[in-house]
Amino acid sequence: MIHAAGFLPLPFREEHFLEVSTLPMHHRDPFDRMLIAQARCENLWLLTSDPHFGNYDVQLIGMGQA
């Protein structure tokens, strides 16, 4: 179903792990920190309504924004 929608999985690679270790502890959720690290490494945008994500140097699309 994910592939049919045009999405591809993004494996968690060593560079992502290393990036997580450099992130300040603005956000303590390990899964969210993983997403932030991947977005930073891969130059991707994140779609979120979580205000903690804004504390990181990552491109965001907030819920409810155009």
N, C-alpha and C. Protein backbone atom coordinates (compact mmCIF):
# COMPACT_ATOMS: atom_id res chain seq x y z
N MET A 1 0.82 -1.19 0.00
CA MET A 1 0.00 0.00 0.00
C MET A 1 0.87 1.26 0.00
N ILE A 2 1.97 1.25 0.75
CA ILE A 2 2.86 2.42 0.77
C ILE A 2 3.45 2.66 -0.61
N HIS A 3 3.89 1.58 -1.25
CA HIS A 3 4.49 1.71 -2.59
C HIS A 3 3.46 2.19 -3.59
N ALA A 4 2.23 1.73 -3.48
CA ALA A 4 1.17 2.14 -4.40
C ALA A 4 0.89 3.64 -4.29
N ALA A 5 1.13 4.20 -3.12
CA ALA A 5 0.92 5.63 -2.91
C ALA A 5 2.12 6.45 -3.36
N GLY A 6 3.18 5.78 -3.80
CA GLY A 6 4.36 6.47 -4.29
C GLY A 6 5.43 6.72 -3.25
N PHE A 7 5.30 6.12 -2.07
CA PHE A 7 6.29 6.28 -1.01
C PHE A 7 7.26 5.11 -1.00
N LEU A 8 8.46 5.39 -0.57
CA LEU A 8 9.47 4.35 -0.42
C LEU A 8 9.98 4.37 1.02
N PRO A 9 10.32 3.21 1.59
CA PRO A 9 10.88 3.20 2.94
C PRO A 9 12.28 3.82 2.94
N LEU A 10 12.62 4.45 4.05
CA LEU A 10 13.96 5.01 4.22
C LEU A 10 14.65 4.25 5.34
N PRO A 11 15.60 3.40 5.00
CA PRO A 11 16.29 2.63 6.04
C PRO A 11 17.05 3.55 6.99
N PHE A 12 17.19 3.11 8.22
CA PHE A 12 17.96 3.86 9.21
C PHE A 12 19.41 3.42 9.08
N ARG A 13 20.24 4.32 8.54
CA ARG A 13 21.63 3.99 8.25
C ARG A 13 22.57 4.54 9.32
N GLU A 14 23.82 4.15 9.23
CA GLU A 14 24.83 4.57 10.20
C GLU A 14 24.93 6.09 10.31
N GLU A 15 24.87 6.79 9.18
CA GLU A 15 24.96 8.25 9.23
C GLU A 15 23.79 8.86 10.00
N HIS A 16 22.63 8.22 9.94
CA HIS A 16 21.47 8.69 10.69
C HIS A 16 21.70 8.50 12.19
N PHE A 17 22.23 7.34 12.54
CA PHE A 17 22.54 7.06 13.94
C PHE A 17 23.53 8.09 14.49
N LEU A 18 24.57 8.37 13.70
CA LEU A 18 25.57 9.34 14.13
C LEU A 18 24.95 10.74 14.27
N GLU A 19 24.03 11.08 13.39
CA GLU A 19 23.35 12.38 13.47
C GLU A 19 22.50 12.48 14.73
N VAL A 20 21.80 11.40 15.08
CA VAL A 20 20.99 11.40 16.32
C VAL A 20 21.87 11.73 17.51
N SER A 21 23.06 11.18 17.53
CA SER A 21 23.95 11.40 18.68
C SER A 21 24.41 12.84 18.81
N THR A 22 24.28 13.64 17.75
CA THR A 22 24.70 15.04 17.80
C THR A 22 23.55 15.98 18.15
N LEU A 23 22.32 15.48 18.14
CA LEU A 23 21.16 16.35 18.37
C LEU A 23 21.06 16.76 19.83
N PRO A 24 20.77 18.04 20.08
CA PRO A 24 20.49 18.45 21.46
C PRO A 24 19.20 17.79 21.95
N MET A 25 19.03 17.69 23.23
CA MET A 25 17.88 16.98 23.80
C MET A 25 16.64 17.88 23.94
N HIS A 26 16.29 18.59 22.85
CA HIS A 26 15.05 19.37 22.86
C HIS A 26 13.84 18.44 22.91
N HIS A 27 14.01 17.28 22.34
CA HIS A 27 12.91 16.30 22.23
C HIS A 27 13.46 14.97 22.71
N ARG A 28 12.74 14.30 23.60
CA ARG A 28 13.24 13.05 24.19
C ARG A 28 12.67 11.79 23.54
N ASP A 29 11.72 11.92 22.65
CA ASP A 29 11.14 10.75 22.00
C ASP A 29 12.15 10.19 20.99
N PRO A 30 12.63 8.96 21.20
CA PRO A 30 13.68 8.42 20.31
C PRO A 30 13.24 8.27 18.86
N PHE A 31 11.98 7.93 18.62
CA PHE A 31 11.52 7.78 17.25
C PHE A 31 11.49 9.14 16.55
N ASP A 32 11.01 10.17 17.23
CA ASP A 32 11.00 11.50 16.64
C ASP A 32 12.41 12.01 16.37
N ARG A 33 13.33 11.72 17.27
CA ARG A 33 14.72 12.11 17.07
C ARG A 33 15.31 11.40 15.85
N MET A 34 14.90 10.15 15.64
CA MET A 34 15.33 9.41 14.46
C MET A 34 14.82 10.08 13.19
N LEU A 35 13.56 10.49 13.19
CA LEU A 35 13.00 11.17 12.03
C LEU A 35 13.72 12.48 11.74
N ILE A 36 14.02 13.23 12.80
CA ILE A 36 14.74 14.50 12.64
C ILE A 36 16.12 14.25 12.04
N ALA A 37 16.82 13.25 12.54
CA ALA A 37 18.15 12.94 12.03
C ALA A 37 18.10 12.53 10.56
N GLN A 38 17.15 11.70 10.21
CA GLN A 38 17.02 11.28 8.81
C GLN A 38 16.72 12.48 7.92
N ALA A 39 15.82 13.33 8.35
CA ALA A 39 15.46 14.51 7.55
C ALA A 39 16.67 15.41 7.35
N ARG A 40 17.46 15.58 8.39
CA ARG A 40 18.66 16.42 8.28
C ARG A 40 19.68 15.81 7.33
N CYS A 41 19.93 14.52 7.46
CA CYS A 41 20.92 13.85 6.62
C CYS A 41 20.50 13.79 5.15
N GLU A 42 19.23 13.58 4.92
CA GLU A 42 18.72 13.37 3.56
C GLU A 42 18.14 14.63 2.93
N ASN A 43 18.21 15.75 3.66
CA ASN A 43 17.65 17.02 3.19
C ASN A 43 16.17 16.87 2.83
N LEU A 44 15.41 16.30 3.76
CA LEU A 44 13.98 16.07 3.57
C LEU A 44 13.18 17.01 4.46
N TRP A 45 11.92 17.21 4.11
CA TRP A 45 10.98 17.98 4.92
C TRP A 45 10.22 17.03 5.84
N LEU A 46 9.86 17.51 7.02
CA LEU A 46 9.03 16.74 7.96
C LEU A 46 7.67 17.41 8.09
N LEU A 47 6.64 16.61 8.08
CA LEU A 47 5.28 17.08 8.32
C LEU A 47 4.94 16.75 9.76
N THR A 48 4.66 17.77 10.58
CA THR A 48 4.41 17.54 11.99
C THR A 48 3.58 18.66 12.60
N SER A 49 2.92 18.35 13.68
CA SER A 49 2.26 19.37 14.49
C SER A 49 2.97 19.49 15.84
N ASP A 50 4.06 18.76 16.02
CA ASP A 50 4.81 18.75 17.28
C ASP A 50 5.69 20.00 17.36
N PRO A 51 5.45 20.88 18.33
CA PRO A 51 6.23 22.13 18.41
C PRO A 51 7.71 21.89 18.74
N HIS A 52 8.07 20.75 19.31
CA HIS A 52 9.47 20.48 19.65
C HIS A 52 10.36 20.38 18.41
N PHE A 53 9.78 19.96 17.30
CA PHE A 53 10.58 19.81 16.08
C PHE A 53 11.16 21.15 15.63
N GLY A 54 10.48 22.24 15.94
CA GLY A 54 10.95 23.56 15.56
C GLY A 54 12.23 23.98 16.24
N ASN A 55 12.65 23.27 17.28
CA ASN A 55 13.89 23.58 17.98
C ASN A 55 15.12 23.02 17.27
N TYR A 56 14.91 22.29 16.20
CA TYR A 56 16.01 21.68 15.46
C TYR A 56 16.15 22.35 14.10
N ASP A 57 17.34 22.28 13.55
CA ASP A 57 17.61 22.80 12.22
C ASP A 57 17.14 21.77 11.20
N VAL A 58 15.84 21.79 10.94
CA VAL A 58 15.23 20.84 10.02
C VAL A 58 14.07 21.54 9.32
N GLN A 59 13.84 21.18 8.06
CA GLN A 59 12.77 21.80 7.29
C GLN A 59 11.43 21.19 7.70
N LEU A 60 10.48 22.06 8.07
CA LEU A 60 9.21 21.59 8.59
C LEU A 60 8.03 22.10 7.76
N ILE A 61 7.03 21.26 7.69
CA ILE A 61 5.71 21.67 7.20
C ILE A 61 4.78 21.41 8.38
N GLY A 62 4.24 22.47 8.95
CA GLY A 62 3.36 22.32 10.11
C GLY A 62 1.95 21.98 9.68
N MET A 63 1.28 21.20 10.49
CA MET A 63 -0.11 20.85 10.22
C MET A 63 -0.93 22.13 10.22
N GLY A 64 -1.73 22.30 9.18
CA GLY A 64 -2.58 23.48 9.08
C GLY A 64 -1.93 24.63 8.30
N GLN A 65 -0.66 24.46 7.89
CA GLN A 65 0.00 25.48 7.06
C GLN A 65 -0.23 25.17 5.60
N ALA A 66 -0.18 26.21 4.80
CA ALA A 66 -0.34 26.03 3.34
C ALA A 66 1.00 25.82 2.68
